[in-house]
Amino acid sequence: MFKHILNNDFANIVKGRRSVRNYDENVKISKEELSEMISEAALAPSSANMQPWRAIVVHTPEGKDKLRPLVRFNTLQNDTSSAMLLIFGDTQSYLYTEDIYNTAVEQGKMPAEVRDRQLETILSMYPTLPKETKVEVAKIDSSLFAMQFMLVARAHGYDTNPMAGFEVDRLAKAFDLDEERFVPVMIISIGKAKEEGYESVRLSADKFTTWA
């Protein structure tokens, strides 16, 4: 990880991020670098470290053709980006917890007794939660991954655009995912900007912050 970082200026990464809709079609990000960025984004936090985000990288002409009718008014991003990252939340992410926690113990990052205690709690509680709660947790955690991916992309010298304008009820099935298990969270286009995104205005912190 972090082999292809071009920009380590955190302030520039955060302040310079723009939602870019039109990309240089001649710039193709390698599968290796896309995988590296996904791994870096996956350092994001998640509930009980269950890491419920799942990603499909649409980067081939065939994949783009399949996705195009599902992205509504976002076809420019689909047609010009190097790739479209489809982010889903896994409502059964608890199935991976034993692997995650066992690896943590093997690598000396967690005592075995902590693993055992955590696994007992997670595996007894999480499968019994209402579906709505599982969906909410999966979406929140996957959104943390998504935001981290956009910042990582900036550090690699690329631009992104997060999108909610797509056929939510058709996306999972179109890419052969179990619709009951995987919930669409967002789509992120990534590439090199052909047209810079607009600088936007943000509310001042005192407009949305309450101190207690």
C-alpha atoms as a PDB file:
ATOM      1  CA  MET A   1       0.000   0.000   0.000  1.00  0.00           C
ATOM      2  CA  PHE A   2       0.882   3.694  -0.425  1.00  0.00           C
ATOM      3  CA  LYS A   3       3.308   3.028  -3.285  1.00  0.00           C
ATOM      4  CA  HIS A   4       1.603   5.417  -5.708  1.00  0.00           C
ATOM      5  CA  ILE A   5       0.920   8.370  -3.414  1.00  0.00           C
ATOM      6  CA  LEU A   6       1.629  11.675  -5.160  1.00  0.00           C
ATOM      7  CA  ASN A   7       0.251  14.109  -2.607  1.00  0.00           C
ATOM      8  CA  ASN A   8       0.814  13.936   1.158  1.00  0.00           C
ATOM      9  CA  ASP A   9      -0.536  17.424   1.847  1.00  0.00           C
ATOM     10  CA  PHE A  10      -3.631  16.663   3.897  1.00  0.00           C
ATOM     11  CA  ALA A  11      -5.006  20.205   3.779  1.00  0.00           C
ATOM     12  CA  ASN A  12      -4.671  20.256  -0.007  1.00  0.00           C
ATOM     13  CA  ILE A  13      -6.303  16.828  -0.317  1.00  0.00           C
ATOM     14  CA  VAL A  14      -9.320  17.853   1.749  1.00  0.00           C
ATOM     15  CA  LYS A  15      -9.734  21.434   0.530  1.00  0.00           C
ATOM     16  CA  GLY A  16      -9.017  20.586  -3.101  1.00  0.00           C
ATOM     17  CA  ARG A  17     -11.480  17.728  -3.456  1.00  0.00           C
ATOM     18  CA  ARG A  18     -14.161  18.445  -6.038  1.00  0.00           C
ATOM     19  CA  SER A  19     -17.005  16.428  -7.525  1.00  0.00           C
ATOM     20  CA  VAL A  20     -15.757  15.870 -11.069  1.00  0.00           C
ATOM     21  CA  ARG A  21     -18.172  14.715 -13.771  1.00  0.00           C
ATOM     22  CA  ASN A  22     -16.066  14.846 -16.922  1.00  0.00           C
ATOM     23  CA  TYR A  23     -12.788  12.917 -17.108  1.00  0.00           C
ATOM     24  CA  ASP A  24      -9.872  12.533 -19.489  1.00  0.00           C
ATOM     25  CA  GLU A  25     -10.773   9.338 -21.319  1.00  0.00           C
ATOM     26  CA  ASN A  26      -7.109   8.728 -22.201  1.00  0.00           C
ATOM     27  CA  VAL A  27      -6.141   8.275 -18.551  1.00  0.00           C
ATOM     28  CA  LYS A  28      -6.587   4.667 -17.463  1.00  0.00           C
ATOM     29  CA  ILE A  29      -5.809   3.689 -13.879  1.00  0.00           C
ATOM     30  CA  SER A  30      -4.210   0.268 -13.629  1.00  0.00           C
ATOM     31  CA  LYS A  31      -5.935  -2.576 -11.820  1.00  0.00           C
ATOM     32  CA  GLU A  32      -2.924  -2.700  -9.502  1.00  0.00           C
ATOM     33  CA  GLU A  33      -3.298   0.926  -8.450  1.00  0.00           C
ATOM     34  CA  LEU A  34      -7.087   0.697  -8.100  1.00  0.00           C
ATOM     35  CA  SER A  35      -6.596  -2.324  -5.841  1.00  0.00           C
ATOM     36  CA  GLU A  36      -4.042  -0.365  -3.827  1.00  0.00           C
ATOM     37  CA  MET A  37      -6.468   2.530  -3.363  1.00  0.00           C
ATOM     38  CA  ILE A  38      -9.243   0.169  -2.276  1.00  0.00           C
ATOM     39  CA  SER A  39      -6.903  -1.419   0.282  1.00  0.00           C
ATOM     40  CA  GLU A  40      -5.956   2.007   1.621  1.00  0.00           C
ATOM     41  CA  ALA A  41      -9.604   3.048   1.833  1.00  0.00           C
ATOM     42  CA  ALA A  42     -10.368  -0.153   3.729  1.00  0.00           C
ATOM     43  CA  LEU A  43      -8.347   1.193   6.664  1.00  0.00           C
ATOM     44  CA  ALA A  44     -11.528   3.133   7.492  1.00  0.00           C
ATOM     45  CA  PRO A  45     -13.228   2.321  10.809  1.00  0.00           C
ATOM     46  CA  SER A  46     -16.300   0.104  11.074  1.00  0.00           C
ATOM     47  CA  SER A  47     -18.599  -1.253  13.766  1.00  0.00           C
ATOM     48  CA  ALA A  48     -16.784  -4.039  15.635  1.00  0.00           C
ATOM     49  CA  ASN A  49     -14.295  -4.012  12.739  1.00  0.00           C
ATOM     50  CA  MET A  50     -16.713  -6.071  10.625  1.00  0.00           C
ATOM     51  CA  GLN A  51     -15.815  -4.109   7.461  1.00  0.00           C
ATOM     52  CA  PRO A  52     -19.178  -4.510   5.704  1.00  0.00           C
ATOM     53  CA  TRP A  53     -18.211  -2.635   2.542  1.00  0.00           C
ATOM     54  CA  ARG A  54     -18.145  -4.573  -0.720  1.00  0.00           C
ATOM     55  CA  ALA A  55     -16.914  -3.063  -3.990  1.00  0.00           C
ATOM     56  CA  ILE A  56     -17.390  -3.852  -7.661  1.00  0.00           C
ATOM     57  CA  VAL A  57     -14.948  -2.035  -9.938  1.00  0.00           C
ATOM     58  CA  VAL A  58     -16.521  -1.383 -13.329  1.00  0.00           C
ATOM     59  CA  HIS A  59     -13.629  -0.558 -15.652  1.00  0.00           C
ATOM     60  CA  THR A  60     -14.132  -2.498 -18.889  1.00  0.00           C
ATOM     61  CA  PRO A  61     -16.209  -1.334 -21.876  1.00  0.00           C
ATOM     62  CA  GLU A  62     -18.531  -4.286 -21.283  1.00  0.00           C
ATOM     63  CA  GLY A  63     -18.995  -3.370 -17.638  1.00  0.00           C
ATOM     64  CA  LYS A  64     -19.620   0.278 -18.492  1.00  0.00           C
ATOM     65  CA  ASP A  65     -22.235  -0.769 -21.062  1.00  0.00           C
ATOM     66  CA  LYS A  66     -24.020  -2.841 -18.443  1.00  0.00           C
ATOM     67  CA  LEU A  67     -23.930  -0.006 -15.917  1.00  0.00           C
ATOM     68  CA  ARG A  68     -24.902   2.820 -18.266  1.00  0.00           C
ATOM     69  CA  PRO A  69     -28.703   2.302 -18.237  1.00  0.00           C
ATOM     70  CA  LEU A  70     -28.630   2.173 -14.428  1.00  0.00           C
ATOM     71  CA  VAL A  71     -26.942   5.506 -13.680  1.00  0.00           C
ATOM     72  CA  ARG A  72     -29.752   7.839 -14.807  1.00  0.00           C
ATOM     73  CA  PHE A  73     -28.327  11.344 -15.418  1.00  0.00           C
ATOM     74  CA  ASN A  74     -24.749  10.303 -14.529  1.00  0.00           C
ATOM     75  CA  THR A  75     -23.827   8.823 -17.911  1.00  0.00           C
ATOM     76  CA  LEU A  76     -21.009  11.325 -18.500  1.00  0.00           C
ATOM     77  CA  GLN A  77     -19.148  10.031 -15.449  1.00  0.00           C
ATOM     78  CA  ASN A  78     -19.742   6.457 -16.564  1.00  0.00           C
ATOM     79  CA  ASP A  79     -18.561   7.095 -20.122  1.00  0.00           C
ATOM     80  CA  THR A  80     -15.438   9.147 -19.376  1.00  0.00           C
ATOM     81  CA  SER A  81     -14.125   7.880 -16.009  1.00  0.00           C
ATOM     82  CA  SER A  82     -11.354   5.352 -15.693  1.00  0.00           C
ATOM     83  CA  ALA A  83     -13.628   3.278 -13.460  1.00  0.00           C
ATOM     84  CA  MET A  84     -16.886   3.314 -11.554  1.00  0.00           C
ATOM     85  CA  LEU A  85     -16.744   1.907  -8.031  1.00  0.00           C
ATOM     86  CA  LEU A  86     -20.035   0.347  -6.955  1.00  0.00           C
ATOM     87  CA  ILE A  87     -20.158   0.268  -3.162  1.00  0.00           C
ATOM     88  CA  PHE A  88     -22.500  -2.100  -1.363  1.00  0.00           C
ATOM     89  CA  GLY A  89     -23.074  -2.795   2.317  1.00  0.00           C
ATOM     90  CA  ASP A  90     -23.039  -6.436   3.410  1.00  0.00           C
ATOM     91  CA  THR A  91     -25.789  -7.111   5.952  1.00  0.00           C
ATOM     92  CA  GLN A  92     -24.130 -10.440   6.793  1.00  0.00           C
ATOM     93  CA  SER A  93     -20.631  -9.084   7.363  1.00  0.00           C
ATOM     94  CA  TYR A  94     -20.545 -10.870  10.717  1.00  0.00           C
ATOM     95  CA  LEU A  95     -19.736 -14.043   8.740  1.00  0.00           C
ATOM     96  CA  TYR A  96     -16.189 -12.672   8.320  1.00  0.00           C
ATOM     97  CA  THR A  97     -15.583 -11.769  11.939  1.00  0.00           C
ATOM     98  CA  GLU A  98     -13.873 -15.014  12.947  1.00  0.00           C
ATOM     99  CA  ASP A  99     -11.366 -14.666  10.101  1.00  0.00           C
ATOM    100  CA  ILE A 100     -10.738 -11.010  10.966  1.00  0.00           C
ATOM    101  CA  TYR A 101     -10.318 -11.576  14.690  1.00  0.00           C
ATOM    102  CA  ASN A 102      -8.255 -14.769  14.306  1.00  0.00           C
ATOM    103  CA  THR A 103      -5.870 -12.913  11.988  1.00  0.00           C
ATOM    104  CA  ALA A 104      -5.592 -10.098  14.525  1.00  0.00           C
ATOM    105  CA  VAL A 105      -4.538 -12.612  17.177  1.00  0.00           C
ATOM    106  CA  GLU A 106      -2.070 -14.319  14.824  1.00  0.00           C
ATOM    107  CA  GLN A 107      -0.457 -10.959  14.040  1.00  0.00           C
ATOM    108  CA  GLY A 108      -0.194 -10.029  17.701  1.00  0.00           C
ATOM    109  CA  LYS A 109      -2.685  -7.178  17.418  1.00  0.00           C
ATOM    110  CA  MET A 110      -5.233  -8.617  19.833  1.00  0.00           C
ATOM    111  CA  PRO A 111      -5.051 -10.965  22.849  1.00  0.00           C
ATOM    112  CA  ALA A 112      -6.886 -14.245  22.349  1.00  0.00           C
ATOM    113  CA  GLU A 113      -9.139 -13.625  25.345  1.00  0.00           C
ATOM    114  CA  VAL A 114     -10.309 -10.308  23.847  1.00  0.00           C
ATOM    115  CA  ARG A 115     -11.046 -12.058  20.549  1.00  0.00           C
ATOM    116  CA  ASP A 116     -13.082 -14.742  22.296  1.00  0.00           C
ATOM    117  CA  ARG A 117     -15.079 -12.192  24.258  1.00  0.00           C
ATOM    118  CA  GLN A 118     -15.740 -10.022  21.223  1.00  0.00           C
ATOM    119  CA  LEU A 119     -16.731 -12.922  18.995  1.00  0.00           C
ATOM    120  CA  GLU A 120     -19.152 -14.272  21.573  1.00  0.00           C
ATOM    121  CA  THR A 121     -20.891 -10.907  21.749  1.00  0.00           C
ATOM    122  CA  ILE A 122     -20.977 -10.273  18.003  1.00  0.00           C
ATOM    123  CA  LEU A 123     -22.054 -13.742  16.910  1.00  0.00           C
ATOM    124  CA  SER A 124     -24.774 -14.003  19.521  1.00  0.00           C
ATOM    125  CA  MET A 125     -26.207 -10.535  18.965  1.00  0.00           C
ATOM    126  CA  TYR A 126     -25.672  -9.385  15.400  1.00  0.00           C
ATOM    127  CA  PRO A 127     -27.480 -12.181  13.476  1.00  0.00           C
ATOM    128  CA  THR A 128     -30.620 -11.524  15.546  1.00  0.00           C
ATOM    129  CA  LEU A 129     -30.781  -7.784  14.833  1.00  0.00           C
ATOM    130  CA  PRO A 130     -33.678  -6.506  12.707  1.00  0.00           C
ATOM    131  CA  LYS A 131     -32.923  -6.245   8.988  1.00  0.00           C
ATOM    132  CA  GLU A 132     -33.376  -2.464   9.139  1.00  0.00           C
ATOM    133  CA  THR A 133     -30.625  -2.169  11.767  1.00  0.00           C
ATOM    134  CA  LYS A 134     -28.235  -4.314   9.746  1.00  0.00           C
ATOM    135  CA  VAL A 135     -28.874  -2.181   6.674  1.00  0.00           C
ATOM    136  CA  GLU A 136     -28.300   1.032   8.629  1.00  0.00           C
ATOM    137  CA  VAL A 137     -24.995  -0.207  10.087  1.00  0.00           C
ATOM    138  CA  ALA A 138     -23.817  -1.470   6.692  1.00  0.00           C
ATOM    139  CA  LYS A 139     -24.632   1.837   5.008  1.00  0.00           C
ATOM    140  CA  ILE A 140     -22.970   3.990   7.670  1.00  0.00           C
ATOM    141  CA  ASP A 141     -19.768   1.951   7.712  1.00  0.00           C
ATOM    142  CA  SER A 142     -19.631   1.665   3.911  1.00  0.00           C
ATOM    143  CA  SER A 143     -20.006   5.445   3.676  1.00  0.00           C
ATOM    144  CA  LEU A 144     -16.901   5.833   5.854  1.00  0.00           C
ATOM    145  CA  PHE A 145     -15.055   3.600   3.383  1.00  0.00           C
ATOM    146  CA  ALA A 146     -16.418   5.644   0.467  1.00  0.00           C
ATOM    147  CA  MET A 147     -15.255   8.969   1.899  1.00  0.00           C
ATOM    148  CA  GLN A 148     -11.840   7.543   2.645  1.00  0.00           C
ATOM    149  CA  PHE A 149     -11.615   6.217  -0.926  1.00  0.00           C
ATOM    150  CA  MET A 150     -12.260   9.701  -2.325  1.00  0.00           C
ATOM    151  CA  LEU A 151      -9.501  11.207  -0.188  1.00  0.00           C
ATOM    152  CA  VAL A 152      -7.134   8.370  -1.079  1.00  0.00           C
ATOM    153  CA  ALA A 153      -7.881   8.991  -4.767  1.00  0.00           C
ATOM    154  CA  ARG A 154      -6.865  12.643  -4.317  1.00  0.00           C
ATOM    155  CA  ALA A 155      -3.618  11.539  -2.720  1.00  0.00           C
ATOM    156  CA  HIS A 156      -2.979   9.373  -5.785  1.00  0.00           C
ATOM    157  CA  GLY A 157      -3.602  12.337  -8.074  1.00  0.00           C
ATOM    158  CA  TYR A 158      -7.112  11.427  -9.250  1.00  0.00           C
ATOM    159  CA  ASP A 159     -10.568  12.934  -9.023  1.00  0.00           C
ATOM    160  CA  THR A 160     -13.905  11.457  -7.991  1.00  0.00           C
ATOM    161  CA  ASN A 161     -17.639  12.019  -7.876  1.00  0.00           C
ATOM    162  CA  PRO A 162     -19.946  10.285  -5.365  1.00  0.00           C
ATOM    163  CA  MET A 163     -23.351   9.462  -6.823  1.00  0.00           C
ATOM    164  CA  ALA A 164     -26.711   8.476  -5.412  1.00  0.00           C
ATOM    165  CA  GLY A 165     -28.504   8.903  -8.743  1.00  0.00           C
ATOM    166  CA  PHE A 166     -28.795   5.321  -9.920  1.00  0.00           C
ATOM    167  CA  GLU A 167     -31.327   2.488 -10.055  1.00  0.00           C
ATOM    168  CA  VAL A 168     -31.004   1.307  -6.474  1.00  0.00           C
ATOM    169  CA  ASP A 169     -33.458  -1.559  -6.866  1.00  0.00           C
ATOM    170  CA  ARG A 170     -31.666  -2.998  -9.926  1.00  0.00           C
ATOM    171  CA  LEU A 171     -27.955  -2.550  -9.217  1.00  0.00           C
ATOM    172  CA  ALA A 172     -27.227  -5.642  -7.121  1.00  0.00           C
ATOM    173  CA  LYS A 173     -29.037  -8.024  -9.450  1.00  0.00           C
ATOM    174  CA  ALA A 174     -27.376  -6.524 -12.532  1.00  0.00           C
ATOM    175  CA  PHE A 175     -23.967  -7.414 -11.074  1.00  0.00           C
ATOM    176  CA  ASP A 176     -24.976 -10.836  -9.727  1.00  0.00           C
ATOM    177  CA  LEU A 177     -25.197  -9.978  -6.035  1.00  0.00           C
ATOM    178  CA  ASP A 178     -27.779 -11.299  -3.575  1.00  0.00           C
ATOM    179  CA  GLU A 179     -30.311  -8.476  -3.305  1.00  0.00           C
ATOM    180  CA  GLU A 180     -31.405  -9.579   0.155  1.00  0.00           C
ATOM    181  CA  ARG A 181     -27.889  -9.469   1.539  1.00  0.00           C
ATOM    182  CA  PHE A 182     -26.166  -6.587  -0.269  1.00  0.00           C
ATOM    183  CA  VAL A 183     -27.539  -3.036  -0.160  1.00  0.00           C
ATOM    184  CA  PRO A 184     -26.358  -0.383  -2.641  1.00  0.00           C
ATOM    185  CA  VAL A 185     -24.738   2.566  -0.870  1.00  0.00           C
ATOM    186  CA  MET A 186     -23.287   4.764  -3.609  1.00  0.00           C
ATOM    187  CA  ILE A 187     -21.333   4.805  -6.846  1.00  0.00           C
ATOM    188  CA  ILE A 188     -18.031   6.678  -7.117  1.00  0.00           C
ATOM    189  CA  SER A 189     -16.525   7.615 -10.463  1.00  0.00           C
ATOM    190  CA  ILE A 190     -12.752   7.983 -10.575  1.00  0.00           C
ATOM    191  CA  GLY A 191     -10.343   9.331 -13.162  1.00  0.00           C
ATOM    192  CA  LYS A 192      -8.357  12.409 -14.141  1.00  0.00           C
ATOM    193  CA  ALA A 193     -10.433  15.562 -14.456  1.00  0.00           C
ATOM    194  CA  LYS A 194     -10.990  16.893 -17.963  1.00  0.00           C
ATOM    195  CA  GLU A 195     -13.075  19.709 -16.512  1.00  0.00           C
ATOM    196  CA  GLU A 196     -12.433  20.864 -12.961  1.00  0.00           C
ATOM    197  CA  GLY A 197     -15.310  20.542 -10.535  1.00  0.00           C
ATOM    198  CA  TYR A 198     -16.890  23.662  -9.103  1.00  0.00           C
ATOM    199  CA  GLU A 199     -15.713  24.979  -5.761  1.00  0.00           C
ATOM    200  CA  SER A 200     -18.704  24.893  -3.431  1.00  0.00           C
ATOM    201  CA  VAL A 201     -19.789  26.840  -0.363  1.00  0.00           C
ATOM    202  CA  ARG A 202     -20.095  25.217   3.042  1.00  0.00           C
ATOM    203  CA  LEU A 203     -22.182  26.307   6.001  1.00  0.00           C
ATOM    204  CA  SER A 204     -20.139  27.702   8.866  1.00  0.00           C
ATOM    205  CA  ALA A 205     -19.759  25.303  11.775  1.00  0.00           C
ATOM    206  CA  ASP A 206     -21.915  27.432  14.062  1.00  0.00           C
ATOM    207  CA  LYS A 207     -24.880  26.891  11.716  1.00  0.00           C
ATOM    208  CA  PHE A 208     -25.014  23.150  12.376  1.00  0.00           C
ATOM    209  CA  THR A 209     -23.190  22.663  15.680  1.00  0.00           C
ATOM    210  CA  THR A 210     -24.696  22.655  19.176  1.00  0.00           C
ATOM    211  CA  TRP A 211     -22.532  22.566  22.293  1.00  0.00           C
ATOM    212  CA  ALA A 212     -23.793  20.751  25.358  1.00  0.00           C
END
